[in-house]
Amino acid sequence: MALNWFKKLKTGLSKSASKVEGAIASITGKKTIDQETLYNIEDQLILADLGVEVAGRIAKKIKDQKFELNKNKEIEKTQIAKTLAEEIEQILLPRDKIYMKKLTQTTCLL
């Protein structure tokens, strides 16, 4: 029973990861990021189950980010992945503090 649940979880996470990878790949090799590309990124992140609000926030961060171009004058995958990871971390940090606080609290049931 538990193995089946883990298998479903792994399958779902794999699908989400491939959608995020698709969002990153849609920018890789471009010289600039146009509005259509931003919509595509946002759609891919929504399909990756990140939600509309988070996908919009990440798309805005990518839009506002000034990427350095490589020697071929293209945006590199590592820069996009770093921006994505930093924004997700900023979203999760406040929640992490809440859960860590709850984990350290002692509860006594009578």
N, C-alpha and C. Protein backbone atom coordinates (compact mmCIF):
# COMPACT_ATOMS: atom_id res chain seq x y z
N MET A 1 0.83 -1.19 0.00
CA MET A 1 0.00 0.00 0.00
C MET A 1 0.87 1.26 0.00
N ALA A 2 1.84 1.31 0.92
CA ALA A 2 2.71 2.47 1.01
C ALA A 2 3.60 2.59 -0.22
N LEU A 3 4.03 1.45 -0.77
CA LEU A 3 4.87 1.48 -1.96
C LEU A 3 4.12 2.05 -3.15
N ASN A 4 2.85 1.73 -3.26
CA ASN A 4 2.03 2.26 -4.34
C ASN A 4 1.90 3.78 -4.22
N TRP A 5 1.74 4.27 -3.00
CA TRP A 5 1.64 5.71 -2.78
C TRP A 5 2.94 6.41 -3.17
N PHE A 6 4.08 5.82 -2.78
CA PHE A 6 5.38 6.41 -3.13
C PHE A 6 5.61 6.38 -4.64
N LYS A 7 5.13 5.34 -5.29
CA LYS A 7 5.26 5.26 -6.74
C LYS A 7 4.47 6.38 -7.41
N LYS A 8 3.25 6.61 -6.93
CA LYS A 8 2.42 7.69 -7.48
C LYS A 8 3.06 9.05 -7.21
N LEU A 9 3.61 9.22 -6.00
CA LEU A 9 4.28 10.47 -5.66
C LEU A 9 5.47 10.71 -6.58
N LYS A 10 6.26 9.68 -6.78
CA LYS A 10 7.45 9.80 -7.65
C LYS A 10 7.04 10.15 -9.07
N THR A 11 6.00 9.51 -9.58
CA THR A 11 5.51 9.79 -10.93
C THR A 11 5.04 11.23 -11.04
N GLY A 12 4.28 11.69 -10.05
CA GLY A 12 3.79 13.08 -10.06
C GLY A 12 4.92 14.09 -9.99
N LEU A 13 5.89 13.84 -9.14
CA LEU A 13 7.03 14.75 -9.02
C LEU A 13 7.87 14.75 -10.29
N SER A 14 7.99 13.61 -10.94
CA SER A 14 8.74 13.53 -12.19
C SER A 14 8.07 14.37 -13.27
N LYS A 15 6.74 14.31 -13.33
CA LYS A 15 6.00 15.13 -14.30
C LYS A 15 6.20 16.61 -14.02
N SER A 16 6.13 16.99 -12.74
CA SER A 16 6.32 18.39 -12.37
C SER A 16 7.73 18.84 -12.72
N ALA A 17 8.71 18.01 -12.43
CA ALA A 17 10.10 18.36 -12.73
C ALA A 17 10.32 18.54 -14.23
N SER A 18 9.69 17.70 -15.04
CA SER A 18 9.87 17.84 -16.48
C SER A 18 9.21 19.11 -17.00
N LYS A 19 8.11 19.53 -16.38
CA LYS A 19 7.47 20.79 -16.78
C LYS A 19 8.36 21.99 -16.44
N VAL A 20 8.96 21.95 -15.26
CA VAL A 20 9.88 23.03 -14.86
C VAL A 20 11.08 23.05 -15.81
N GLU A 21 11.58 21.87 -16.15
CA GLU A 21 12.70 21.77 -17.09
C GLU A 21 12.30 22.36 -18.44
N GLY A 22 11.06 22.12 -18.85
CA GLY A 22 10.57 22.69 -20.10
C GLY A 22 10.52 24.21 -20.05
N ALA A 23 10.13 24.75 -18.91
CA ALA A 23 10.11 26.20 -18.75
C ALA A 23 11.51 26.78 -18.86
N ILE A 24 12.47 26.11 -18.24
CA ILE A 24 13.86 26.58 -18.31
C ILE A 24 14.39 26.46 -19.74
N ALA A 25 14.08 25.35 -20.39
CA ALA A 25 14.56 25.12 -21.75
C ALA A 25 14.00 26.15 -22.74
N SER A 26 12.79 26.66 -22.45
CA SER A 26 12.19 27.62 -23.38
C SER A 26 12.95 28.94 -23.42
N ILE A 27 13.77 29.22 -22.41
CA ILE A 27 14.55 30.45 -22.38
C ILE A 27 15.97 30.22 -22.86
N THR A 28 16.49 29.03 -22.60
CA THR A 28 17.88 28.72 -22.91
C THR A 28 18.19 28.99 -24.38
N GLY A 29 19.27 29.69 -24.63
CA GLY A 29 19.70 29.97 -26.00
C GLY A 29 19.11 31.22 -26.60
N LYS A 30 18.24 31.90 -25.87
CA LYS A 30 17.65 33.13 -26.39
C LYS A 30 18.54 34.33 -26.06
N LYS A 31 18.41 35.36 -26.85
CA LYS A 31 19.16 36.58 -26.60
C LYS A 31 18.37 37.52 -25.69
N THR A 32 17.06 37.47 -25.82
CA THR A 32 16.17 38.26 -24.96
C THR A 32 14.96 37.40 -24.60
N ILE A 33 14.22 37.87 -23.60
CA ILE A 33 13.01 37.16 -23.19
C ILE A 33 11.83 38.06 -23.51
N ASP A 34 11.03 37.62 -24.50
CA ASP A 34 9.87 38.42 -24.90
C ASP A 34 8.63 38.00 -24.10
N GLN A 35 7.54 38.72 -24.31
CA GLN A 35 6.31 38.47 -23.55
C GLN A 35 5.75 37.07 -23.83
N GLU A 36 5.85 36.61 -25.05
CA GLU A 36 5.36 35.27 -25.39
C GLU A 36 6.13 34.19 -24.63
N THR A 37 7.43 34.37 -24.52
CA THR A 37 8.26 33.42 -23.76
C THR A 37 7.87 33.43 -22.29
N LEU A 38 7.61 34.61 -21.74
CA LEU A 38 7.18 34.71 -20.34
C LEU A 38 5.85 34.00 -20.12
N TYR A 39 4.91 34.15 -21.06
CA TYR A 39 3.63 33.44 -20.95
C TYR A 39 3.85 31.93 -21.00
N ASN A 40 4.76 31.50 -21.87
CA ASN A 40 5.06 30.07 -21.98
C ASN A 40 5.66 29.54 -20.67
N ILE A 41 6.58 30.31 -20.10
CA ILE A 41 7.19 29.90 -18.82
C ILE A 41 6.11 29.79 -17.75
N GLU A 42 5.27 30.80 -17.67
CA GLU A 42 4.21 30.80 -16.66
C GLU A 42 3.28 29.61 -16.84
N ASP A 43 2.92 29.32 -18.08
CA ASP A 43 2.06 28.16 -18.35
C ASP A 43 2.74 26.86 -17.92
N GLN A 44 4.02 26.71 -18.23
CA GLN A 44 4.74 25.49 -17.87
C GLN A 44 4.82 25.34 -16.35
N LEU A 45 5.03 26.43 -15.64
CA LEU A 45 5.10 26.37 -14.18
C LEU A 45 3.74 26.04 -13.56
N ILE A 46 2.68 26.56 -14.15
CA ILE A 46 1.33 26.22 -13.67
C ILE A 46 1.07 24.73 -13.91
N LEU A 47 1.45 24.24 -15.07
CA LEU A 47 1.28 22.81 -15.37
C LEU A 47 2.15 21.94 -14.47
N ALA A 48 3.21 22.52 -13.91
CA ALA A 48 4.08 21.79 -12.98
C ALA A 48 3.51 21.83 -11.56
N ASP A 49 2.29 22.29 -11.42
CA ASP A 49 1.59 22.33 -10.14
C ASP A 49 2.17 23.32 -9.14
N LEU A 50 2.80 24.38 -9.64
CA LEU A 50 3.31 25.40 -8.73
C LEU A 50 2.23 26.41 -8.36
N GLY A 51 1.15 26.44 -9.12
CA GLY A 51 0.06 27.37 -8.85
C GLY A 51 0.20 28.65 -9.63
N VAL A 52 -0.91 29.34 -9.79
CA VAL A 52 -0.95 30.55 -10.60
C VAL A 52 -0.14 31.67 -9.95
N GLU A 53 -0.32 31.87 -8.64
CA GLU A 53 0.37 32.96 -7.95
C GLU A 53 1.89 32.77 -7.99
N VAL A 54 2.34 31.58 -7.67
CA VAL A 54 3.79 31.31 -7.66
C VAL A 54 4.36 31.40 -9.07
N ALA A 55 3.65 30.84 -10.05
CA ALA A 55 4.12 30.90 -11.43
C ALA A 55 4.24 32.35 -11.91
N GLY A 56 3.26 33.17 -11.56
CA GLY A 56 3.31 34.59 -11.93
C GLY A 56 4.47 35.31 -11.26
N ARG A 57 4.69 34.98 -10.00
CA ARG A 57 5.80 35.61 -9.26
C ARG A 57 7.16 35.23 -9.86
N ILE A 58 7.31 33.96 -10.23
CA ILE A 58 8.56 33.51 -10.83
C ILE A 58 8.75 34.12 -12.21
N ALA A 59 7.68 34.19 -13.01
CA ALA A 59 7.76 34.80 -14.34
C ALA A 59 8.16 36.28 -14.22
N LYS A 60 7.61 36.98 -13.25
CA LYS A 60 7.97 38.39 -13.03
C LYS A 60 9.44 38.51 -12.65
N LYS A 61 9.91 37.62 -11.79
CA LYS A 61 11.32 37.64 -11.38
C LYS A 61 12.23 37.42 -12.59
N ILE A 62 11.85 36.48 -13.45
CA ILE A 62 12.65 36.22 -14.66
C ILE A 62 12.62 37.43 -15.58
N LYS A 63 11.45 38.07 -15.70
CA LYS A 63 11.33 39.26 -16.54
C LYS A 63 12.22 40.39 -16.03
N ASP A 64 12.26 40.58 -14.71
CA ASP A 64 13.01 41.67 -14.11
C ASP A 64 14.52 41.38 -14.02
N GLN A 65 14.89 40.11 -14.12
CA GLN A 65 16.29 39.71 -13.97
C GLN A 65 17.10 40.14 -15.19
N LYS A 66 18.29 40.63 -14.94
CA LYS A 66 19.22 40.99 -16.02
C LYS A 66 20.20 39.82 -16.17
N PHE A 67 20.00 39.00 -17.20
CA PHE A 67 20.86 37.85 -17.43
C PHE A 67 22.10 38.27 -18.22
N GLU A 68 23.22 37.70 -17.84
CA GLU A 68 24.45 37.90 -18.62
C GLU A 68 24.42 36.93 -19.79
N LEU A 69 24.84 37.41 -20.94
CA LEU A 69 24.87 36.56 -22.12
C LEU A 69 26.22 35.85 -22.20
N ASN A 70 26.23 34.62 -22.71
CA ASN A 70 27.48 33.89 -22.86
C ASN A 70 28.22 34.38 -24.10
N LYS A 71 29.31 33.69 -24.49
CA LYS A 71 30.10 34.15 -25.63
C LYS A 71 29.32 34.11 -26.94
N ASN A 72 28.27 33.30 -27.00
CA ASN A 72 27.41 33.26 -28.18
C ASN A 72 26.27 34.27 -28.08
N LYS A 73 26.33 35.11 -27.05
CA LYS A 73 25.31 36.12 -26.78
C LYS A 73 23.93 35.51 -26.56
N GLU A 74 23.92 34.44 -25.73
CA GLU A 74 22.69 33.74 -25.39
C GLU A 74 22.59 33.59 -23.88
N ILE A 75 21.38 33.43 -23.40
CA ILE A 75 21.14 33.19 -21.97
C ILE A 75 21.42 31.72 -21.67
N GLU A 76 22.14 31.47 -20.59
CA GLU A 76 22.51 30.10 -20.24
C GLU A 76 21.50 29.48 -19.28
N LYS A 77 21.36 28.17 -19.38
CA LYS A 77 20.43 27.40 -18.57
C LYS A 77 20.70 27.56 -17.07
N THR A 78 21.96 27.60 -16.68
CA THR A 78 22.30 27.69 -15.26
C THR A 78 21.82 28.99 -14.64
N GLN A 79 21.85 30.08 -15.40
CA GLN A 79 21.37 31.36 -14.89
C GLN A 79 19.87 31.32 -14.63
N ILE A 80 19.14 30.71 -15.53
CA ILE A 80 17.69 30.61 -15.37
C ILE A 80 17.34 29.72 -14.19
N ALA A 81 18.03 28.58 -14.10
CA ALA A 81 17.78 27.65 -13.00
C ALA A 81 18.10 28.30 -11.67
N LYS A 82 19.15 29.09 -11.61
CA LYS A 82 19.53 29.77 -10.37
C LYS A 82 18.45 30.78 -9.97
N THR A 83 17.98 31.56 -10.92
CA THR A 83 16.92 32.53 -10.65
C THR A 83 15.65 31.83 -10.16
N LEU A 84 15.29 30.74 -10.81
CA LEU A 84 14.12 29.97 -10.43
C LEU A 84 14.28 29.42 -9.01
N ALA A 85 15.42 28.84 -8.71
CA ALA A 85 15.68 28.27 -7.39
C ALA A 85 15.66 29.34 -6.30
N GLU A 86 16.25 30.49 -6.58
CA GLU A 86 16.28 31.58 -5.59
C GLU A 86 14.87 32.07 -5.28
N GLU A 87 14.03 32.18 -6.29
CA GLU A 87 12.67 32.68 -6.07
C GLU A 87 11.84 31.64 -5.31
N ILE A 88 11.99 30.38 -5.64
CA ILE A 88 11.27 29.34 -4.91
C ILE A 88 11.73 29.32 -3.46
N GLU A 89 13.02 29.51 -3.24
CA GLU A 89 13.54 29.55 -1.87
C GLU A 89 12.93 30.72 -1.09
N GLN A 90 12.81 31.88 -1.73
CA GLN A 90 12.21 33.05 -1.07
C GLN A 90 10.74 32.79 -0.72
N ILE A 91 10.07 32.03 -1.55
CA ILE A 91 8.66 31.70 -1.29
C ILE A 91 8.55 30.73 -0.12
N LEU A 92 9.46 29.76 -0.05
CA LEU A 92 9.38 28.70 0.95
C LEU A 92 9.96 29.08 2.31
N LEU A 93 10.89 30.02 2.38
CA LEU A 93 11.55 30.35 3.65
C LEU A 93 10.59 30.73 4.77
N PRO A 94 9.62 31.61 4.55
CA PRO A 94 8.69 31.94 5.64
C PRO A 94 7.91 30.72 6.13
N ARG A 95 7.53 29.86 5.23
CA ARG A 95 6.79 28.66 5.61
C ARG A 95 7.66 27.69 6.39
N ASP A 96 8.92 27.61 6.02
CA ASP A 96 9.86 26.75 6.72
C ASP A 96 9.99 27.16 8.18
N LYS A 97 10.05 28.45 8.42
CA LYS A 97 10.17 28.95 9.80
C LYS A 97 8.94 28.57 10.62
N ILE A 98 7.77 28.66 10.01
CA ILE A 98 6.53 28.31 10.71
C ILE A 98 6.54 26.83 11.08
N TYR A 99 6.89 25.97 10.12
CA TYR A 99 6.88 24.52 10.39
C TYR A 99 7.97 24.13 11.38
N MET A 100 9.13 24.76 11.30
CA MET A 100 10.20 24.43 12.25
C MET A 100 9.79 24.83 13.67
N LYS A 101 9.09 25.95 13.79
CA LYS A 101 8.62 26.38 15.11
C LYS A 101 7.62 25.36 15.66
N LYS A 102 6.72 24.89 14.81
CA LYS A 102 5.74 23.91 15.25
C LYS A 102 6.41 22.60 15.66
N LEU A 103 7.48 22.23 14.97
CA LEU A 103 8.17 20.99 15.29
C LEU A 103 8.88 21.06 16.63
N THR A 104 9.30 22.25 17.03
CA THR A 104 10.04 22.39 18.29
C THR A 104 9.12 22.59 19.49
N GLN A 105 7.85 22.85 19.24
CA GLN A 105 6.90 23.02 20.34
C GLN A 105 6.50 21.66 20.89
N THR A 106 6.40 21.58 22.19
CA THR A 106 5.98 20.35 22.83
C THR A 106 4.49 20.41 23.11
N THR A 107 3.80 19.35 22.78
CA THR A 107 2.37 19.27 23.01
C THR A 107 2.09 18.10 23.91
N CYS A 108 1.28 18.34 24.91
CA CYS A 108 0.93 17.28 25.86
C CYS A 108 -0.57 17.00 25.74
N LEU A 109 -0.89 15.78 25.43
CA LEU A 109 -2.29 15.38 25.33
C LEU A 109 -2.68 14.62 26.58
N LEU A 110 -3.77 14.98 27.21
CA LEU A 110 -4.25 14.29 28.41
C LEU A 110 -5.49 13.50 28.13
